[in-house]
């Protein structure tokens, strides 16, 4: 008989974020920042850090929790810029995960596109 060990990652798993990764918010200067996860156990918490480059807009603020989704609604307008949201989700048993994603507030002057210019 052969024994196989299978590693099980027992930590929160992120399934969705808003604004979506690399999304542009357009005229929305106070976007709802949310993160949905599974395997949250009991009494999970989440803390959000929001940066624009090296400038910290929010530092480890608590997020509201409802049915598997943590959210934070901004109370002031953000300047047009590219932001990185970083959320640390922690379960009651101490297991945690950190998830980061970029998005842009406003509409950038230029958008980058990738593709093949000519092919047959």
PDB file of N, CA and C in Angstrom:
ATOM      1  N   UNK A   1       0.831  -1.160   0.000  1.00  0.00           N
ATOM      2  CA  UNK A   1       0.000   0.000   0.000  1.00  0.00           C
ATOM      3  C   UNK A   1       0.894   1.249   0.000  1.00  0.00           C
ATOM      4  N   UNK A   2       0.521   2.224  -0.795  1.00  0.00           N
ATOM      5  CA  UNK A   2       1.278   3.459  -0.907  1.00  0.00           C
ATOM      6  C   UNK A   2       0.545   4.568  -0.164  1.00  0.00           C
ATOM      7  N   UNK A   3       1.266   5.313   0.642  1.00  0.00           N
ATOM      8  CA  UNK A   3       0.680   6.413   1.407  1.00  0.00           C
ATOM      9  C   UNK A   3       1.084   7.726   0.734  1.00  0.00           C
ATOM     10  N   UNK A   4       0.092   8.568   0.515  1.00  0.00           N
ATOM     11  CA  UNK A   4       0.341   9.870  -0.100  1.00  0.00           C
ATOM     12  C   UNK A   4      -0.088  10.948   0.880  1.00  0.00           C
ATOM     13  N   UNK A   5       0.798  11.901   1.137  1.00  0.00           N
ATOM     14  CA  UNK A   5       0.449  13.047   1.973  1.00  0.00           C
ATOM     15  C   UNK A   5      -0.057  14.161   1.076  1.00  0.00           C
ATOM     16  N   UNK A   6      -1.174  14.718   1.443  1.00  0.00           N
ATOM     17  CA  UNK A   6      -1.749  15.834   0.694  1.00  0.00           C
ATOM     18  C   UNK A   6      -1.793  17.041   1.617  1.00  0.00           C
ATOM     19  N   UNK A   7      -1.163  18.117   1.198  1.00  0.00           N
ATOM     20  CA  UNK A   7      -1.161  19.341   1.994  1.00  0.00           C
ATOM     21  C   UNK A   7      -2.504  20.049   1.839  1.00  0.00           C
ATOM     22  N   UNK A   8      -3.104  20.402   2.952  1.00  0.00           N
ATOM     23  CA  UNK A   8      -4.372  21.120   2.942  1.00  0.00           C
ATOM     24  C   UNK A   8      -4.101  22.528   3.448  1.00  0.00           C
ATOM     25  N   UNK A   9      -4.450  23.487   2.644  1.00  0.00           N
ATOM     26  CA  UNK A   9      -4.258  24.877   3.050  1.00  0.00           C
ATOM     27  C   UNK A   9      -5.507  25.296   3.823  1.00  0.00           C
ATOM     28  N   UNK A  10      -5.360  25.350   5.126  1.00  0.00           N
ATOM     29  CA  UNK A  10      -6.484  25.677   5.998  1.00  0.00           C
ATOM     30  C   UNK A  10      -6.389  27.135   6.423  1.00  0.00           C
ATOM     31  N   UNK A  11      -6.772  28.004   5.506  1.00  0.00           N
ATOM     32  CA  UNK A  11      -6.791  29.435   5.784  1.00  0.00           C
ATOM     33  C   UNK A  11      -7.884  30.054   4.922  1.00  0.00           C
ATOM     34  N   UNK A  12      -8.290  31.286   5.226  1.00  0.00           N
ATOM     35  CA  UNK A  12      -9.310  31.932   4.407  1.00  0.00           C
ATOM     36  C   UNK A  12      -8.861  32.011   2.938  1.00  0.00           C
ATOM     37  N   UNK A  13      -9.811  31.807   2.041  1.00  0.00           N
ATOM     38  CA  UNK A  13      -9.543  31.854   0.598  1.00  0.00           C
ATOM     39  C   UNK A  13     -10.391  32.955  -0.038  1.00  0.00           C
ATOM     40  N   UNK A  14      -9.761  33.912  -0.701  1.00  0.00           N
ATOM     41  CA  UNK A  14     -10.457  35.041  -1.330  1.00  0.00           C
ATOM     42  C   UNK A  14     -11.076  34.594  -2.650  1.00  0.00           C
ATOM     43  N   UNK A  15     -12.352  34.970  -2.863  1.00  0.00           N
ATOM     44  CA  UNK A  15     -13.057  34.601  -4.095  1.00  0.00           C
ATOM     45  C   UNK A  15     -13.445  35.796  -4.961  1.00  0.00           C
ATOM     46  N   UNK A  16     -13.544  37.009  -4.367  1.00  0.00           N
ATOM     47  CA  UNK A  16     -13.965  38.181  -5.146  1.00  0.00           C
ATOM     48  C   UNK A  16     -13.545  39.451  -4.414  1.00  0.00           C
ATOM     49  N   UNK A  17     -13.196  40.484  -5.195  1.00  0.00           N
ATOM     50  CA  UNK A  17     -12.875  41.791  -4.625  1.00  0.00           C
ATOM     51  C   UNK A  17     -13.568  42.883  -5.436  1.00  0.00           C
ATOM     52  N   UNK A  18     -13.852  44.011  -4.778  1.00  0.00           N
ATOM     53  CA  UNK A  18     -14.331  45.204  -5.472  1.00  0.00           C
ATOM     54  C   UNK A  18     -13.595  46.402  -4.886  1.00  0.00           C
ATOM     55  N   UNK A  19     -13.248  47.367  -5.706  1.00  0.00           N
ATOM     56  CA  UNK A  19     -13.242  47.306  -7.162  1.00  0.00           C
ATOM     57  C   UNK A  19     -12.424  46.104  -7.631  1.00  0.00           C
ATOM     58  N   UNK A  20     -12.784  45.590  -8.786  1.00  0.00           N
ATOM     59  CA  UNK A  20     -12.083  44.425  -9.326  1.00  0.00           C
ATOM     60  C   UNK A  20     -10.613  44.764  -9.581  1.00  0.00           C
ATOM     61  N   UNK A  21      -9.789  43.732  -9.630  1.00  0.00           N
ATOM     62  CA  UNK A  21      -8.359  43.912  -9.911  1.00  0.00           C
ATOM     63  C   UNK A  21      -8.195  44.725 -11.197  1.00  0.00           C
ATOM     64  N   UNK A  22      -7.417  45.799 -11.138  1.00  0.00           N
ATOM     65  CA  UNK A  22      -7.101  46.695 -12.259  1.00  0.00           C
ATOM     66  C   UNK A  22      -8.295  47.461 -12.804  1.00  0.00           C
ATOM     67  N   UNK A  23      -9.407  47.487 -12.087  1.00  0.00           N
ATOM     68  CA  UNK A  23     -10.588  48.235 -12.528  1.00  0.00           C
ATOM     69  C   UNK A  23     -10.350  49.731 -12.409  1.00  0.00           C
ATOM     70  N   UNK A  24     -11.027  50.495 -13.260  1.00  0.00           N
ATOM     71  CA  UNK A  24     -11.005  51.951 -13.207  1.00  0.00           C
ATOM     72  C   UNK A  24     -12.374  52.399 -12.707  1.00  0.00           C
ATOM     73  N   UNK A  25     -12.420  53.249 -11.672  1.00  0.00           N
ATOM     74  CA  UNK A  25     -13.695  53.621 -11.067  1.00  0.00           C
ATOM     75  C   UNK A  25     -14.403  54.758 -11.792  1.00  0.00           C
ATOM     76  N   UNK A  26     -13.743  55.421 -12.723  1.00  0.00           N
ATOM     77  CA  UNK A  26     -14.374  56.516 -13.457  1.00  0.00           C
ATOM     78  C   UNK A  26     -14.711  57.675 -12.538  1.00  0.00           C
ATOM     79  N   UNK A  27     -15.989  58.087 -12.518  1.00  0.00           N
ATOM     80  CA  UNK A  27     -16.417  59.227 -11.700  1.00  0.00           C
ATOM     81  C   UNK A  27     -16.584  58.891 -10.224  1.00  0.00           C
ATOM     82  N   UNK A  28     -16.564  57.614  -9.868  1.00  0.00           N
ATOM     83  CA  UNK A  28     -16.753  57.201  -8.475  1.00  0.00           C
ATOM     84  C   UNK A  28     -15.469  57.440  -7.683  1.00  0.00           C
ATOM     85  N   UNK A  29     -15.487  58.458  -6.821  1.00  0.00           N
ATOM     86  CA  UNK A  29     -14.296  58.825  -6.032  1.00  0.00           C
ATOM     87  C   UNK A  29     -14.300  58.200  -4.643  1.00  0.00           C
ATOM     88  N   UNK A  30     -15.423  57.573  -4.256  1.00  0.00           N
ATOM     89  CA  UNK A  30     -15.532  56.884  -2.973  1.00  0.00           C
ATOM     90  C   UNK A  30     -15.995  55.446  -3.211  1.00  0.00           C
ATOM     91  N   UNK A  31     -15.183  54.646  -3.865  1.00  0.00           N
ATOM     92  CA  UNK A  31     -15.635  53.289  -4.190  1.00  0.00           C
ATOM     93  C   UNK A  31     -15.793  52.433  -2.940  1.00  0.00           C
ATOM     94  N   UNK A  32     -16.757  51.524  -2.978  1.00  0.00           N
ATOM     95  CA  UNK A  32     -16.900  50.528  -1.925  1.00  0.00           C
ATOM     96  C   UNK A  32     -15.766  49.529  -2.112  1.00  0.00           C
ATOM     97  N   UNK A  33     -14.984  49.330  -1.071  1.00  0.00           N
ATOM     98  CA  UNK A  33     -13.893  48.355  -1.124  1.00  0.00           C
ATOM     99  C   UNK A  33     -14.376  47.122  -0.376  1.00  0.00           C
ATOM    100  N   UNK A  34     -14.438  45.995  -1.076  1.00  0.00           N
ATOM    101  CA  UNK A  34     -14.927  44.784  -0.427  1.00  0.00           C
ATOM    102  C   UNK A  34     -14.120  43.569  -0.861  1.00  0.00           C
ATOM    103  N   UNK A  35     -14.197  42.543  -0.029  1.00  0.00           N
ATOM    104  CA  UNK A  35     -13.499  41.296  -0.301  1.00  0.00           C
ATOM    105  C   UNK A  35     -14.369  40.157   0.224  1.00  0.00           C
ATOM    106  N   UNK A  36     -14.615  39.174  -0.635  1.00  0.00           N
ATOM    107  CA  UNK A  36     -15.416  38.010  -0.272  1.00  0.00           C
ATOM    108  C   UNK A  36     -14.481  36.820  -0.147  1.00  0.00           C
ATOM    109  N   UNK A  37     -14.696  36.019   0.895  1.00  0.00           N
ATOM    110  CA  UNK A  37     -13.808  34.888   1.135  1.00  0.00           C
ATOM    111  C   UNK A  37     -14.598  33.689   1.665  1.00  0.00           C
ATOM    112  N   UNK A  38     -13.975  32.527   1.572  1.00  0.00           N
ATOM    113  CA  UNK A  38     -14.534  31.296   2.126  1.00  0.00           C
ATOM    114  C   UNK A  38     -13.586  30.764   3.191  1.00  0.00           C
ATOM    115  N   UNK A  39     -14.009  29.715   3.894  1.00  0.00           N
ATOM    116  CA  UNK A  39     -13.219  29.087   4.953  1.00  0.00           C
ATOM    117  C   UNK A  39     -12.860  30.110   6.035  1.00  0.00           C
ATOM    118  N   UNK A  40     -13.871  30.871   6.455  1.00  0.00           N
ATOM    119  CA  UNK A  40     -13.648  31.942   7.420  1.00  0.00           C
ATOM    120  C   UNK A  40     -13.793  31.522   8.873  1.00  0.00           C
ATOM    121  N   UNK A  41     -14.283  30.312   9.127  1.00  0.00           N
ATOM    122  CA  UNK A  41     -14.446  29.873  10.507  1.00  0.00           C
ATOM    123  C   UNK A  41     -15.435  30.744  11.249  1.00  0.00           C
ATOM    124  N   UNK A  42     -15.214  30.904  12.558  1.00  0.00           N
ATOM    125  CA  UNK A  42     -16.101  31.741  13.361  1.00  0.00           C
ATOM    126  C   UNK A  42     -15.426  33.050  13.705  1.00  0.00           C
ATOM    127  N   UNK A  43     -16.229  34.086  13.826  1.00  0.00           N
ATOM    128  CA  UNK A  43     -15.786  35.426  14.232  1.00  0.00           C
ATOM    129  C   UNK A  43     -14.581  35.944  13.452  1.00  0.00           C
ATOM    130  N   UNK A  44     -14.630  35.937  12.107  1.00  0.00           N
ATOM    131  CA  UNK A  44     -13.494  36.470  11.347  1.00  0.00           C
ATOM    132  C   UNK A  44     -13.456  37.996  11.405  1.00  0.00           C
ATOM    133  N   UNK A  45     -12.267  38.546  11.240  1.00  0.00           N
ATOM    134  CA  UNK A  45     -12.091  39.998  11.164  1.00  0.00           C
ATOM    135  C   UNK A  45     -11.229  40.319   9.950  1.00  0.00           C
ATOM    136  N   UNK A  46     -11.313  41.563   9.506  1.00  0.00           N
ATOM    137  CA  UNK A  46     -10.475  42.003   8.380  1.00  0.00           C
ATOM    138  C   UNK A  46     -10.042  43.436   8.611  1.00  0.00           C
ATOM    139  N   UNK A  47      -8.807  43.712   8.200  1.00  0.00           N
ATOM    140  CA  UNK A  47      -8.263  45.073   8.294  1.00  0.00           C
ATOM    141  C   UNK A  47      -7.749  45.481   6.921  1.00  0.00           C
ATOM    142  N   UNK A  48      -8.109  46.705   6.526  1.00  0.00           N
ATOM    143  CA  UNK A  48      -7.783  47.244   5.207  1.00  0.00           C
ATOM    144  C   UNK A  48      -6.697  48.303   5.316  1.00  0.00           C
ATOM    145  N   UNK A  49      -5.688  48.191   4.455  1.00  0.00           N
ATOM    146  CA  UNK A  49      -4.699  49.247   4.260  1.00  0.00           C
ATOM    147  C   UNK A  49      -4.788  49.659   2.801  1.00  0.00           C
ATOM    148  N   UNK A  50      -4.846  50.963   2.547  1.00  0.00           N
ATOM    149  CA  UNK A  50      -4.981  51.480   1.188  1.00  0.00           C
ATOM    150  C   UNK A  50      -3.849  52.456   0.922  1.00  0.00           C
ATOM    151  N   UNK A  51      -3.098  52.194  -0.160  1.00  0.00           N
ATOM    152  CA  UNK A  51      -1.965  53.039  -0.511  1.00  0.00           C
ATOM    153  C   UNK A  51      -2.093  53.549  -1.940  1.00  0.00           C
ATOM    154  N   UNK A  52      -1.586  54.755  -2.163  1.00  0.00           N
ATOM    155  CA  UNK A  52      -1.419  55.327  -3.498  1.00  0.00           C
ATOM    156  C   UNK A  52       0.080  55.546  -3.640  1.00  0.00           C
ATOM    157  N   UNK A  53       0.753  54.633  -4.321  1.00  0.00           N
ATOM    158  CA  UNK A  53       2.211  54.680  -4.363  1.00  0.00           C
ATOM    159  C   UNK A  53       2.745  54.404  -2.978  1.00  0.00           C
ATOM    160  N   UNK A  54       3.532  55.302  -2.418  1.00  0.00           N
ATOM    161  CA  UNK A  54       4.062  55.149  -1.059  1.00  0.00           C
ATOM    162  C   UNK A  54       3.175  55.840  -0.024  1.00  0.00           C
ATOM    163  N   UNK A  55       2.223  56.644  -0.487  1.00  0.00           N
ATOM    164  CA  UNK A  55       1.342  57.393   0.421  1.00  0.00           C
ATOM    165  C   UNK A  55       0.259  56.467   0.975  1.00  0.00           C
ATOM    166  N   UNK A  56       0.113  56.432   2.288  1.00  0.00           N
ATOM    167  CA  UNK A  56      -0.901  55.594   2.932  1.00  0.00           C
ATOM    168  C   UNK A  56      -2.167  56.418   3.137  1.00  0.00           C
ATOM    169  N   UNK A  57      -3.272  55.969   2.539  1.00  0.00           N
ATOM    170  CA  UNK A  57      -4.566  56.632   2.689  1.00  0.00           C
ATOM    171  C   UNK A  57      -5.315  56.093   3.909  1.00  0.00           C
ATOM    172  N   UNK A  58      -5.281  54.784   4.093  1.00  0.00           N
ATOM    173  CA  UNK A  58      -5.909  54.120   5.239  1.00  0.00           C
ATOM    174  C   UNK A  58      -4.904  53.123   5.784  1.00  0.00           C
ATOM    175  N   UNK A  59      -4.831  53.012   7.116  1.00  0.00           N
ATOM    176  CA  UNK A  59      -3.855  52.099   7.696  1.00  0.00           C
ATOM    177  C   UNK A  59      -4.542  51.138   8.673  1.00  0.00           C
ATOM    178  N   UNK A  60      -4.732  49.908   8.246  1.00  0.00           N
ATOM    179  CA  UNK A  60      -5.272  48.829   9.073  1.00  0.00           C
ATOM    180  C   UNK A  60      -6.608  49.183   9.720  1.00  0.00           C
ATOM    181  N   UNK A  61      -7.550  49.718   8.929  1.00  0.00           N
ATOM    182  CA  UNK A  61      -8.879  50.034   9.454  1.00  0.00           C
ATOM    183  C   UNK A  61      -9.759  48.785   9.405  1.00  0.00           C
ATOM    184  N   UNK A  62     -10.623  48.640  10.398  1.00  0.00           N
ATOM    185  CA  UNK A  62     -11.521  47.487  10.469  1.00  0.00           C
ATOM    186  C   UNK A  62     -12.582  47.576   9.382  1.00  0.00           C
ATOM    187  N   UNK A  63     -12.910  46.436   8.811  1.00  0.00           N
ATOM    188  CA  UNK A  63     -13.941  46.349   7.782  1.00  0.00           C
ATOM    189  C   UNK A  63     -15.195  45.719   8.383  1.00  0.00           C
ATOM    190  N   UNK A  64     -16.361  46.043   7.814  1.00  0.00           N
ATOM    191  CA  UNK A  64     -17.638  45.493   8.242  1.00  0.00           C
ATOM    192  C   UNK A  64     -17.816  44.108   7.634  1.00  0.00           C
ATOM    193  N   UNK A  65     -18.379  43.171   8.401  1.00  0.00           N
ATOM    194  CA  UNK A  65     -18.551  41.789   7.931  1.00  0.00           C
ATOM    195  C   UNK A  65     -20.028  41.424   7.823  1.00  0.00           C
ATOM    196  N   UNK A  66     -20.426  40.884   6.646  1.00  0.00           N
ATOM    197  CA  UNK A  66     -21.771  40.372   6.439  1.00  0.00           C
ATOM    198  C   UNK A  66     -21.729  39.213   5.461  1.00  0.00           C
ATOM    199  N   UNK A  67     -22.170  38.032   5.893  1.00  0.00           N
ATOM    200  CA  UNK A  67     -22.324  36.859   5.020  1.00  0.00           C
ATOM    201  C   UNK A  67     -21.119  36.558   4.130  1.00  0.00           C
ATOM    202  N   UNK A  68     -19.941  36.483   4.685  1.00  0.00           N
ATOM    203  CA  UNK A  68     -18.757  36.117   3.921  1.00  0.00           C
ATOM    204  C   UNK A  68     -18.071  37.256   3.198  1.00  0.00           C
ATOM    205  N   UNK A  69     -18.606  38.479   3.328  1.00  0.00           N
ATOM    206  CA  UNK A  69     -18.005  39.629   2.651  1.00  0.00           C
ATOM    207  C   UNK A  69     -17.643  40.711   3.665  1.00  0.00           C
ATOM    208  N   UNK A  70     -16.419  41.180   3.572  1.00  0.00           N
ATOM    209  CA  UNK A  70     -15.958  42.320   4.361  1.00  0.00           C
ATOM    210  C   UNK A  70     -16.021  43.539   3.462  1.00  0.00           C
ATOM    211  N   UNK A  71     -16.442  44.684   4.008  1.00  0.00           N
ATOM    212  CA  UNK A  71     -16.528  45.884   3.178  1.00  0.00           C
ATOM    213  C   UNK A  71     -16.150  47.124   3.969  1.00  0.00           C
ATOM    214  N   UNK A  72     -15.756  48.151   3.211  1.00  0.00           N
ATOM    215  CA  UNK A  72     -15.421  49.447   3.790  1.00  0.00           C
ATOM    216  C   UNK A  72     -15.854  50.517   2.788  1.00  0.00           C
ATOM    217  N   UNK A  73     -16.694  51.436   3.235  1.00  0.00           N
ATOM    218  CA  UNK A  73     -17.137  52.542   2.385  1.00  0.00           C
ATOM    219  C   UNK A  73     -16.360  53.786   2.784  1.00  0.00           C
ATOM    220  N   UNK A  74     -15.671  54.363   1.843  1.00  0.00           N
ATOM    221  CA  UNK A  74     -14.864  55.555   2.098  1.00  0.00           C
ATOM    222  C   UNK A  74     -15.747  56.728   2.502  1.00  0.00           C
ATOM    223  N   UNK A  75     -15.233  57.573   3.385  1.00  0.00           N
ATOM    224  CA  UNK A  75     -15.987  58.738   3.847  1.00  0.00           C
ATOM    225  C   UNK A  75     -15.515  60.034   3.192  1.00  0.00           C
ATOM    226  N   UNK A  76     -14.422  59.962   2.434  1.00  0.00           N
ATOM    227  CA  UNK A  76     -13.940  61.146   1.708  1.00  0.00           C
ATOM    228  C   UNK A  76     -13.511  60.723   0.314  1.00  0.00           C
ATOM    229  N   UNK A  77     -13.551  61.675  -0.610  1.00  0.00           N
ATOM    230  CA  UNK A  77     -13.147  61.397  -1.982  1.00  0.00           C
ATOM    231  C   UNK A  77     -11.659  61.066  -2.042  1.00  0.00           C
ATOM    232  N   UNK A  78     -11.326  60.130  -2.900  1.00  0.00           N
ATOM    233  CA  UNK A  78      -9.929  59.823  -3.185  1.00  0.00           C
ATOM    234  C   UNK A  78      -9.490  60.617  -4.409  1.00  0.00           C
ATOM    235  N   UNK A  79      -8.237  60.995  -4.439  1.00  0.00           N
ATOM    236  CA  UNK A  79      -7.673  61.665  -5.614  1.00  0.00           C
ATOM    237  C   UNK A  79      -7.539  60.648  -6.739  1.00  0.00           C
ATOM    238  N   UNK A  80      -7.594  61.117  -7.966  1.00  0.00           N
ATOM    239  CA  UNK A  80      -7.382  60.224  -9.102  1.00  0.00           C
ATOM    240  C   UNK A  80      -5.957  59.685  -9.031  1.00  0.00           C
ATOM    241  N   UNK A  81      -5.835  58.380  -8.935  1.00  0.00           N
ATOM    242  CA  UNK A  81      -4.521  57.735  -8.832  1.00  0.00           C
ATOM    243  C   UNK A  81      -4.717  56.228  -8.868  1.00  0.00           C
ATOM    244  N   UNK A  82      -3.604  55.529  -8.948  1.00  0.00           N
ATOM    245  CA  UNK A  82      -3.613  54.068  -8.861  1.00  0.00           C
ATOM    246  C   UNK A  82      -3.389  53.691  -7.403  1.00  0.00           C
ATOM    247  N   UNK A  83      -4.250  52.840  -6.869  1.00  0.00           N
ATOM    248  CA  UNK A  83      -4.210  52.439  -5.465  1.00  0.00           C
ATOM    249  C   UNK A  83      -3.954  50.946  -5.346  1.00  0.00           C
ATOM    250  N   UNK A  84      -3.421  50.559  -4.201  1.00  0.00           N
ATOM    251  CA  UNK A  84      -3.274  49.147  -3.859  1.00  0.00           C
ATOM    252  C   UNK A  84      -3.993  48.919  -2.546  1.00  0.00           C
ATOM    253  N   UNK A  85      -4.982  48.028  -2.588  1.00  0.00           N
ATOM    254  CA  UNK A  85      -5.698  47.642  -1.375  1.00  0.00           C
ATOM    255  C   UNK A  85      -5.031  46.382  -0.836  1.00  0.00           C
ATOM    256  N   UNK A  86      -4.829  46.345   0.464  1.00  0.00           N
ATOM    257  CA  UNK A  86      -4.255  45.181   1.126  1.00  0.00           C
ATOM    258  C   UNK A  86      -5.156  44.846   2.312  1.00  0.00           C
ATOM    259  N   UNK A  87      -5.685  43.614   2.331  1.00  0.00           N
ATOM    260  CA  UNK A  87      -6.596  43.205   3.394  1.00  0.00           C
ATOM    261  C   UNK A  87      -6.021  41.985   4.099  1.00  0.00           C
ATOM    262  N   UNK A  88      -5.985  42.055   5.425  1.00  0.00           N
ATOM    263  CA  UNK A  88      -5.577  40.924   6.248  1.00  0.00           C
ATOM    264  C   UNK A  88      -6.846  40.366   6.890  1.00  0.00           C
ATOM    265  N   UNK A  89      -7.188  39.118   6.543  1.00  0.00           N
ATOM    266  CA  UNK A  89      -8.345  38.439   7.122  1.00  0.00           C
ATOM    267  C   UNK A  89      -7.822  37.469   8.176  1.00  0.00           C
ATOM    268  N   UNK A  90      -8.401  37.545   9.368  1.00  0.00           N
ATOM    269  CA  UNK A  90      -7.974  36.684  10.468  1.00  0.00           C
ATOM    270  C   UNK A  90      -9.179  35.970  11.061  1.00  0.00           C
ATOM    271  N   UNK A  91      -9.044  34.640  11.219  1.00  0.00           N
ATOM    272  CA  UNK A  91     -10.097  33.853  11.854  1.00  0.00           C
ATOM    273  C   UNK A  91      -9.901  33.859  13.365  1.00  0.00           C
ATOM    274  N   UNK A  92     -10.917  33.403  14.083  1.00  0.00           N
ATOM    275  CA  UNK A  92     -10.845  33.350  15.542  1.00  0.00           C
ATOM    276  C   UNK A  92      -9.742  32.414  16.027  1.00  0.00           C
ATOM    277  N   UNK A  93      -9.405  31.389  15.213  1.00  0.00           N
ATOM    278  CA  UNK A  93      -8.343  30.461  15.618  1.00  0.00           C
ATOM    279  C   UNK A  93      -6.943  30.998  15.329  1.00  0.00           C
ATOM    280  N   UNK A  94      -6.859  32.238  14.825  1.00  0.00           N
ATOM    281  CA  UNK A  94      -5.569  32.873  14.586  1.00  0.00           C
ATOM    282  C   UNK A  94      -5.016  32.716  13.185  1.00  0.00           C
ATOM    283  N   UNK A  95      -5.597  31.828  12.382  1.00  0.00           N
ATOM    284  CA  UNK A  95      -5.113  31.665  11.010  1.00  0.00           C
ATOM    285  C   UNK A  95      -5.538  32.888  10.190  1.00  0.00           C
ATOM    286  N   UNK A  96      -4.620  33.336   9.330  1.00  0.00           N
ATOM    287  CA  UNK A  96      -4.920  34.541   8.558  1.00  0.00           C
ATOM    288  C   UNK A  96      -4.341  34.441   7.158  1.00  0.00           C
ATOM    289  N   UNK A  97      -4.812  35.342   6.318  1.00  0.00           N
ATOM    290  CA  UNK A  97      -4.280  35.478   4.971  1.00  0.00           C
ATOM    291  C   UNK A  97      -4.280  36.957   4.612  1.00  0.00           C
ATOM    292  N   UNK A  98      -3.333  37.351   3.783  1.00  0.00           N
ATOM    293  CA  UNK A  98      -3.252  38.729   3.291  1.00  0.00           C
ATOM    294  C   UNK A  98      -3.478  38.702   1.792  1.00  0.00           C
ATOM    295  N   UNK A  99      -4.333  39.604   1.296  1.00  0.00           N
ATOM    296  CA  UNK A  99      -4.632  39.660  -0.133  1.00  0.00           C
ATOM    297  C   UNK A  99      -4.489  41.103  -0.592  1.00  0.00           C
ATOM    298  N   UNK A 100      -3.776  41.321  -1.698  1.00  0.00           N
ATOM    299  CA  UNK A 100      -3.568  42.658  -2.264  1.00  0.00           C
ATOM    300  C   UNK A 100      -4.040  42.695  -3.705  1.00  0.00           C
ATOM    301  N   UNK A 101      -4.565  43.861  -4.102  1.00  0.00           N
ATOM    302  CA  UNK A 101      -4.935  44.049  -5.497  1.00  0.00           C
ATOM    303  C   UNK A 101      -4.934  45.541  -5.837  1.00  0.00           C
ATOM    304  N   UNK A 102      -4.587  45.875  -7.088  1.00  0.00           N
ATOM    305  CA  UNK A 102      -4.562  47.271  -7.520  1.00  0.00           C
ATOM    306  C   UNK A 102      -5.865  47.659  -8.224  1.00  0.00           C
ATOM    307  N   UNK A 103      -6.192  48.937  -8.129  1.00  0.00           N
ATOM    308  CA  UNK A 103      -7.293  49.520  -8.901  1.00  0.00           C
ATOM    309  C   UNK A 103      -6.996  51.000  -9.077  1.00  0.00           C
ATOM    310  N   UNK A 104      -7.710  51.639  -9.989  1.00  0.00           N
ATOM    311  CA  UNK A 104      -7.471  53.046 -10.288  1.00  0.00           C
ATOM    312  C   UNK A 104      -8.732  53.849 -10.005  1.00  0.00           C
ATOM    313  N   UNK A 105      -8.579  54.935  -9.243  1.00  0.00           N
ATOM    314  CA  UNK A 105      -9.684  55.863  -9.026  1.00  0.00           C
ATOM    315  C   UNK A 105      -9.622  56.886 -10.141  1.00  0.00           C
ATOM    316  N   UNK A 106     -10.753  57.092 -10.803  1.00  0.00           N
ATOM    317  CA  UNK A 106     -10.809  57.999 -11.943  1.00  0.00           C
ATOM    318  C   UNK A 106     -10.597  57.240 -13.237  1.00  0.00           C
ATOM    319  N   UNK A 107     -10.320  57.981 -14.286  1.00  0.00           N
ATOM    320  CA  UNK A 107     -10.044  57.402 -15.597  1.00  0.00           C
ATOM    321  C   UNK A 107      -8.678  57.899 -16.041  1.00  0.00           C
ATOM    322  N   UNK A 108      -7.707  57.011 -16.161  1.00  0.00           N
ATOM    323  CA  UNK A 108      -6.372  57.454 -16.554  1.00  0.00           C
ATOM    324  C   UNK A 108      -6.369  58.015 -17.973  1.00  0.00           C
ATOM    325  N   UNK A 109      -5.429  58.906 -18.229  1.00  0.00           N
ATOM    326  CA  UNK A 109      -5.316  59.513 -19.552  1.00  0.00           C
ATOM    327  C   UNK A 109      -4.964  58.467 -20.601  1.00  0.00           C
ATOM    328  N   UNK A 110      -4.170  57.485 -20.207  1.00  0.00           N
ATOM    329  CA  UNK A 110      -3.758  56.436 -21.136  1.00  0.00           C
ATOM    330  C   UNK A 110      -4.134  55.074 -20.581  1.00  0.00           C
ATOM    331  N   UNK A 111      -4.481  54.162 -21.467  1.00  0.00           N
ATOM    332  CA  UNK A 111      -4.730  52.778 -21.080  1.00  0.00           C
ATOM    333  C   UNK A 111      -3.774  51.897 -21.858  1.00  0.00           C
ATOM    334  N   UNK A 112      -3.198  50.932 -21.191  1.00  0.00           N
ATOM    335  CA  UNK A 112      -2.276  50.021 -21.854  1.00  0.00           C
ATOM    336  C   UNK A 112      -3.041  48.830 -22.411  1.00  0.00           C
ATOM    337  N   UNK A 113      -2.751  48.492 -23.647  1.00  0.00           N
ATOM    338  CA  UNK A 113      -3.363  47.332 -24.279  1.00  0.00           C
ATOM    339  C   UNK A 113      -2.252  46.424 -24.782  1.00  0.00           C
ATOM    340  N   UNK A 114      -2.475  45.142 -24.719  1.00  0.00           N
ATOM    341  CA  UNK A 114      -1.500  44.185 -25.203  1.00  0.00           C
ATOM    342  C   UNK A 114      -2.163  43.322 -26.262  1.00  0.00           C
ATOM    343  N   UNK A 115      -1.411  42.985 -27.270  1.00  0.00           N
ATOM    344  CA  UNK A 115      -1.950  42.117 -28.312  1.00  0.00           C
ATOM    345  C   UNK A 115      -0.971  42.015 -29.465  1.00  0.00           C
ATOM    346  N   UNK A 116      -1.344  41.256 -30.417  1.00  0.00           N
ATOM    347  CA  UNK A 116      -0.502  41.091 -31.601  1.00  0.00           C
ATOM    348  C   UNK A 116      -1.021  42.051 -32.664  1.00  0.00           C
ATOM    349  N   UNK A 117      -0.118  42.869 -33.176  1.00  0.00           N
ATOM    350  CA  UNK A 117      -0.529  43.896 -34.133  1.00  0.00           C
ATOM    351  C   UNK A 117      -0.832  43.342 -35.503  1.00  0.00           C
ATOM    352  N   UNK A 118      -0.139  42.275 -35.909  1.00  0.00           N
ATOM    353  CA  UNK A 118      -0.341  41.732 -37.250  1.00  0.00           C
ATOM    354  C   UNK A 118      -0.031  40.246 -37.240  1.00  0.00           C
ATOM    355  N   UNK A 119      -0.944  39.455 -37.718  1.00  0.00           N
ATOM    356  CA  UNK A 119      -0.644  38.026 -37.843  1.00  0.00           C
ATOM    357  C   UNK A 119      -1.485  37.430 -38.944  1.00  0.00           C
ATOM    358  N   UNK A 120      -1.058  36.271 -39.411  1.00  0.00           N
ATOM    359  CA  UNK A 120      -1.783  35.554 -40.449  1.00  0.00           C
ATOM    360  C   UNK A 120      -2.096  34.171 -39.965  1.00  0.00           C
TER     361      UNK A 120
END
